[in-house]
Amino acid sequence: MNRFLASELEESTPEQCLFQVVPAPFEATVSYGGGTVNGPAAILEASDQLEVWDGLSDASELGIHTHPAMDCSGNAETVLERIEDAVTKAAEHGIPVMLGGEHTVTLGALRALQKKYGTFGVVQFDAHADLRDSYDGSPYSHACVMHRALDLGLPVFGIGVRALCKEEVALRKEKNLSYLDARDLAMNGMPENLLPADFPQTIYVTFDVDGLDPSVISATGTPVPGGVLWWQAIKLLEKAMAGRMVIGMDVVELAPKEGDHASDFAAAQLTYNLMGIVQRLAKR
């Protein structure tokens, strides 16, 4: 079994580790380019090339345990139940760090953590709003995952969105959702206060890699120009996570392409930097 940072870290038990890596290679509803089923394995393999010092911290000091990749065969409802069970178990020991797979996998994690923590905020990095109620006949499409989060009663703050349908624009107005779209970021810069004053202090961070500009990660199903750049993303993550309790995170929608090592490595580095920001800035 591949482990995160296996080239640098000795194998450890879940009880010894704050970070609980949960691979969820589910792919059923991608709407353009496929391949997200291979995303978790590619991130784990690329992590062997990381340095434990990310420039500011060594998150590995807090322990990183990689759970076996889940069986993601079957329909979405069945797979989401498995993900919910896996994240529930991971959360008993530390902070789940899920690797997708398509964005649908996030719903299983949100369900699990809501049972443990109650209401929390969801900070979403994404090129797409993912607020459709249904897409291609399925309420469990990757294009619907944030709508399902709202159905759970969880506040959502989207960052980097630049592709929406009219239904999603209307829902934003109806629900009075807060967000920082990619165009606003490019035109007006980064706000001093990123999240609304009433946003929960307990958060889950979901990072669809297409939230980044394709110049950073191009290996994703629907790359959209005009995205968040690398250091912008790190600063935005720091602003969102500083002083807050982070109860879970995920990196999803990497669709590895042969010969594109840069995208795989960037997704692995992003995953590790998320852990590092928790170590430096978040409440634990």
Protein backbone atom coordinates (compact mmCIF):
# COMPACT_ATOMS: atom_id res chain seq x y z
CA MET A 1 0.00 0.00 0.00
CA ASN A 2 1.23 3.48 -0.88
CA ARG A 3 1.60 5.87 2.05
CA PHE A 4 1.81 9.63 2.09
CA LEU A 5 5.47 10.65 2.37
CA ALA A 6 6.48 7.00 2.66
CA SER A 7 9.99 7.85 1.45
CA GLU A 8 10.52 10.08 4.49
CA LEU A 9 8.38 8.66 7.29
CA GLU A 10 8.32 5.37 9.12
CA GLU A 11 5.01 3.56 9.16
CA SER A 12 2.93 4.58 12.16
CA THR A 13 -0.41 3.72 13.73
CA PRO A 14 -3.49 5.94 13.55
CA GLU A 15 -3.21 6.58 17.29
CA GLN A 16 0.22 8.18 16.81
CA CYS A 17 -0.86 10.67 14.15
CA LEU A 18 -2.83 13.90 13.90
CA PHE A 19 -3.27 13.66 10.13
CA GLN A 20 -5.32 10.73 8.84
CA VAL A 21 -5.00 10.39 5.06
CA VAL A 22 -8.06 8.68 3.57
CA PRO A 23 -7.83 7.79 -0.16
CA ALA A 24 -11.26 7.76 -1.84
CA PRO A 25 -10.82 6.84 -5.54
CA PHE A 26 -14.45 7.32 -6.55
CA GLU A 27 -15.37 8.37 -10.08
CA ALA A 28 -18.87 8.06 -11.46
CA THR A 29 -20.23 11.44 -12.60
CA VAL A 30 -17.36 13.39 -14.15
CA SER A 31 -18.78 15.48 -16.97
CA TYR A 32 -15.79 16.18 -19.24
CA GLY A 33 -12.34 14.66 -18.82
CA GLY A 34 -12.09 11.54 -16.66
CA GLY A 35 -9.35 10.01 -14.58
CA THR A 36 -10.09 11.18 -11.04
CA VAL A 37 -10.22 7.54 -9.95
CA ASN A 38 -6.42 7.60 -10.26
CA GLY A 39 -5.99 10.86 -8.34
CA PRO A 40 -5.39 9.47 -4.82
CA ALA A 41 -2.74 7.00 -5.96
CA ALA A 42 -0.97 9.70 -7.99
CA ILE A 43 -0.89 12.06 -5.01
CA LEU A 44 0.51 9.35 -2.74
CA GLU A 45 3.17 8.42 -5.30
CA ALA A 46 4.15 12.06 -5.87
CA SER A 47 4.37 12.65 -2.12
CA ASP A 48 7.51 10.53 -2.07
CA GLN A 49 9.26 13.43 -3.82
CA LEU A 50 8.26 16.03 -1.21
CA GLU A 51 10.54 17.52 1.38
CA VAL A 52 9.21 17.40 4.94
CA TRP A 53 10.12 21.07 5.45
CA ASP A 54 7.53 23.03 3.45
CA GLY A 55 9.33 26.36 3.85
CA LEU A 56 7.74 27.28 7.17
CA SER A 57 7.07 24.07 9.07
CA ASP A 58 7.37 20.29 9.23
CA ALA A 59 3.84 18.95 9.49
CA SER A 60 5.15 15.39 9.59
CA GLU A 61 6.18 16.01 13.21
CA LEU A 62 2.50 15.70 14.12
CA GLY A 63 2.26 12.30 12.45
CA ILE A 64 0.73 11.22 9.14
CA HIS A 65 -1.08 7.91 8.86
CA THR A 66 -2.38 6.68 5.51
CA HIS A 67 -5.43 4.45 5.59
CA PRO A 68 -6.04 1.81 2.89
CA ALA A 69 -7.78 3.09 -0.22
CA MET A 70 -11.51 2.55 0.04
CA ASP A 71 -13.54 0.23 -2.13
CA CYS A 72 -15.37 2.73 -4.30
CA SER A 73 -17.28 0.29 -6.48
CA GLY A 74 -21.04 0.49 -6.59
CA ASN A 75 -23.50 3.37 -6.73
CA ALA A 76 -22.91 6.76 -5.17
CA GLU A 77 -25.15 6.14 -2.15
CA THR A 78 -23.24 2.97 -1.25
CA VAL A 79 -19.84 4.58 -1.72
CA LEU A 80 -20.82 7.64 0.32
CA GLU A 81 -21.84 5.35 3.19
CA ARG A 82 -18.39 3.70 3.06
CA ILE A 83 -16.69 7.09 3.00
CA GLU A 84 -18.77 8.24 5.94
CA ASP A 85 -17.72 5.16 7.92
CA ALA A 86 -14.04 5.57 6.98
CA VAL A 87 -13.96 9.27 7.89
CA THR A 88 -15.78 8.58 11.15
CA LYS A 89 -13.07 6.11 12.12
CA ALA A 90 -10.26 8.43 10.98
CA ALA A 91 -11.75 11.31 12.99
CA GLU A 92 -11.48 9.25 16.16
CA HIS A 93 -7.71 9.68 15.98
CA GLY A 94 -7.14 13.03 14.31
CA ILE A 95 -7.94 15.21 11.30
CA PRO A 96 -9.16 13.35 8.20
CA VAL A 97 -7.33 14.39 5.03
CA MET A 98 -9.28 12.83 2.20
CA LEU A 99 -7.86 12.36 -1.29
CA GLY A 100 -10.33 12.15 -4.17
CA GLY A 101 -11.66 11.05 -6.54
CA GLU A 102 -14.40 13.25 -7.81
CA HIS A 103 -15.80 15.98 -5.62
CA THR A 104 -18.81 13.89 -4.62
CA VAL A 105 -16.62 12.17 -2.00
CA THR A 106 -16.70 15.32 0.12
CA LEU A 107 -20.33 14.67 1.02
CA GLY A 108 -19.45 11.47 2.85
CA ALA A 109 -16.87 13.31 4.94
CA LEU A 110 -19.29 16.15 5.74
CA ARG A 111 -21.93 13.69 6.94
CA ALA A 112 -19.44 11.92 9.18
CA LEU A 113 -18.06 15.09 10.73
CA GLN A 114 -21.47 16.66 11.25
CA LYS A 115 -22.40 13.72 13.46
CA LYS A 116 -19.27 14.34 15.52
CA TYR A 117 -19.17 18.15 15.62
CA GLY A 118 -22.61 19.46 14.65
CA THR A 119 -22.67 22.58 12.47
CA PHE A 120 -19.42 23.81 10.92
CA GLY A 121 -18.42 25.91 7.93
CA VAL A 122 -17.25 24.57 4.59
CA VAL A 123 -14.50 26.53 2.84
CA GLN A 124 -14.56 25.50 -0.83
CA PHE A 125 -11.80 26.17 -3.36
CA ASP A 126 -13.19 25.44 -6.81
CA ALA A 127 -13.55 26.67 -10.38
CA HIS A 128 -17.23 25.69 -10.21
CA ALA A 129 -19.90 26.53 -7.66
CA ASP A 130 -21.11 22.89 -7.49
CA LEU A 131 -24.49 24.21 -6.36
CA ARG A 132 -26.75 22.41 -8.83
CA ASP A 133 -29.58 20.47 -7.24
CA SER A 134 -29.18 17.70 -9.81
CA TYR A 135 -26.95 17.11 -12.80
CA ASP A 136 -27.32 14.40 -15.46
CA GLY A 137 -30.19 13.05 -13.39
CA SER A 138 -28.19 12.57 -10.20
CA PRO A 139 -28.30 14.58 -6.96
CA TYR A 140 -24.93 13.01 -6.14
CA SER A 141 -23.09 14.44 -9.12
CA HIS A 142 -19.82 16.21 -8.45
CA ALA A 143 -21.65 19.32 -9.70
CA CYS A 144 -24.08 19.12 -6.76
CA VAL A 145 -21.85 18.52 -3.76
CA MET A 146 -22.09 22.03 -2.28
CA HIS A 147 -25.86 22.02 -2.71
CA ARG A 148 -25.88 18.81 -0.65
CA ALA A 149 -23.73 20.60 1.97
CA LEU A 150 -26.34 23.35 2.18
CA ASP A 151 -29.01 20.67 2.56
CA LEU A 152 -27.11 19.51 5.66
CA GLY A 153 -27.39 23.02 7.04
CA LEU A 154 -23.68 23.76 6.64
CA PRO A 155 -22.60 27.29 5.64
CA VAL A 156 -20.45 27.32 2.49
CA PHE A 157 -17.91 29.94 1.41
CA GLY A 158 -16.66 29.48 -2.17
CA ILE A 159 -13.27 30.74 -3.35
CA GLY A 160 -12.02 30.96 -6.93
CA VAL A 161 -15.30 30.13 -8.69
CA ARG A 162 -15.49 31.30 -12.28
CA ALA A 163 -17.98 28.92 -13.94
CA LEU A 164 -21.64 28.94 -12.88
CA CYS A 165 -25.03 28.18 -14.38
CA LYS A 166 -28.07 30.45 -13.92
CA GLU A 167 -29.53 28.02 -11.37
CA GLU A 168 -26.45 28.44 -9.20
CA VAL A 169 -26.47 32.23 -9.51
CA ALA A 170 -30.10 32.23 -8.38
CA LEU A 171 -29.37 29.92 -5.46
CA ARG A 172 -26.55 32.16 -4.29
CA LYS A 173 -29.00 35.06 -4.12
CA GLU A 174 -31.77 32.99 -2.55
CA LYS A 175 -29.50 31.64 0.20
CA ASN A 176 -27.52 34.89 0.53
CA LEU A 177 -24.29 32.94 0.14
CA SER A 178 -20.91 34.60 0.63
CA TYR A 179 -18.05 33.96 -1.78
CA LEU A 180 -14.88 35.33 -3.37
CA ASP A 181 -14.98 34.60 -7.07
CA ALA A 182 -11.82 34.44 -9.17
CA ARG A 183 -12.71 37.60 -11.09
CA ASP A 184 -13.19 39.58 -7.89
CA LEU A 185 -9.85 38.32 -6.61
CA ALA A 186 -8.11 39.30 -9.84
CA MET A 187 -9.76 42.72 -10.12
CA ASN A 188 -9.83 43.81 -6.49
CA GLY A 189 -7.14 41.80 -4.75
CA MET A 190 -7.36 39.79 -1.58
CA PRO A 191 -9.69 41.17 1.11
CA GLU A 192 -8.30 41.86 4.55
CA ASN A 193 -11.04 39.75 6.14
CA LEU A 194 -11.73 36.72 4.00
CA LEU A 195 -14.56 34.90 5.75
CA PRO A 196 -17.74 36.63 6.98
CA ALA A 197 -17.75 37.72 10.62
CA ASP A 198 -20.48 35.21 11.44
CA PHE A 199 -18.81 32.26 9.69
CA PRO A 200 -18.31 29.27 12.05
CA GLN A 201 -15.02 28.98 13.90
CA THR A 202 -14.99 25.25 13.15
CA ILE A 203 -14.35 24.55 9.45
CA TYR A 204 -13.81 21.88 6.83
CA VAL A 205 -11.62 22.78 3.83
CA THR A 206 -12.41 21.16 0.49
CA PHE A 207 -10.00 21.91 -2.35
CA ASP A 208 -10.98 20.97 -5.88
CA VAL A 209 -7.72 21.33 -7.76
CA ASP A 210 -9.48 23.03 -10.69
CA GLY A 211 -9.81 25.98 -8.33
CA LEU A 212 -6.18 26.60 -9.17
CA ASP A 213 -5.28 28.11 -12.51
CA PRO A 214 -4.43 25.48 -15.17
CA SER A 215 -0.90 26.89 -15.23
CA VAL A 216 -0.51 25.35 -11.76
CA ILE A 217 -2.53 22.14 -12.18
CA SER A 218 -3.81 21.23 -15.63
CA ALA A 219 -4.55 17.55 -14.91
CA THR A 220 -8.19 17.91 -13.94
CA GLY A 221 -11.45 17.10 -15.67
CA THR A 222 -12.54 20.66 -16.45
CA PRO A 223 -9.66 23.14 -16.30
CA VAL A 224 -10.97 26.71 -16.40
CA PRO A 225 -8.68 29.67 -17.19
CA GLY A 226 -8.31 32.55 -14.79
CA GLY A 227 -7.93 30.56 -11.59
CA VAL A 228 -6.16 31.06 -8.29
CA LEU A 229 -2.36 31.02 -8.47
CA TRP A 230 -0.17 29.03 -6.09
CA TRP A 231 0.87 31.67 -3.57
CA GLN A 232 -2.57 33.26 -3.68
CA ALA A 233 -4.01 29.88 -2.72
CA ILE A 234 -1.59 29.47 0.18
CA LYS A 235 -2.37 32.96 1.47
CA LEU A 236 -6.11 32.40 1.13
CA LEU A 237 -5.82 29.11 3.00
CA GLU A 238 -3.84 30.80 5.76
CA LYS A 239 -6.47 33.53 6.07
CA ALA A 240 -9.31 31.00 6.19
CA MET A 241 -7.67 28.64 8.68
CA ALA A 242 -5.90 31.05 11.04
CA GLY A 243 -7.32 30.79 14.54
CA ARG A 244 -10.01 28.34 13.48
CA MET A 245 -10.52 24.70 14.37
CA VAL A 246 -10.00 22.61 11.22
CA ILE A 247 -11.83 19.29 11.57
CA GLY A 248 -11.16 17.88 8.11
CA MET A 249 -9.76 18.61 4.67
CA ASP A 250 -9.73 17.13 1.20
CA VAL A 251 -7.96 17.51 -2.13
CA VAL A 252 -10.10 16.26 -5.01
CA GLU A 253 -10.51 16.14 -8.79
CA LEU A 254 -6.90 15.46 -9.79
CA ALA A 255 -7.09 13.49 -13.04
CA PRO A 256 -3.49 12.40 -13.72
CA LYS A 257 -2.18 12.59 -17.27
CA GLU A 258 0.77 10.60 -18.55
CA GLY A 259 3.90 12.72 -18.51
CA ASP A 260 2.39 15.51 -16.39
CA HIS A 261 4.34 14.99 -13.18
CA ALA A 262 3.98 18.66 -12.30
CA SER A 263 0.24 18.42 -11.64
CA ASP A 264 0.59 15.31 -9.47
CA PHE A 265 3.43 16.90 -7.50
CA ALA A 266 1.51 20.17 -7.04
CA ALA A 267 -1.50 18.25 -5.68
CA ALA A 268 0.74 16.37 -3.25
CA GLN A 269 2.46 19.60 -2.18
CA LEU A 270 -0.94 21.24 -1.70
CA THR A 271 -2.04 18.36 0.52
CA TYR A 272 1.09 18.66 2.63
CA ASN A 273 0.84 22.45 2.82
CA LEU A 274 -2.70 22.12 4.13
CA MET A 275 -1.30 20.03 6.98
CA GLY A 276 1.45 22.58 7.55
CA ILE A 277 -1.04 25.44 7.82
CA VAL A 278 -2.98 23.46 10.41
CA GLN A 279 0.24 22.99 12.37
CA ARG A 280 1.14 26.69 12.25
CA LEU A 281 -2.12 28.58 12.38
CA ALA A 282 -5.17 26.52 13.25
CA LYS A 283 -6.53 25.60 16.66
CA ARG A 284 -6.11 21.92 17.48
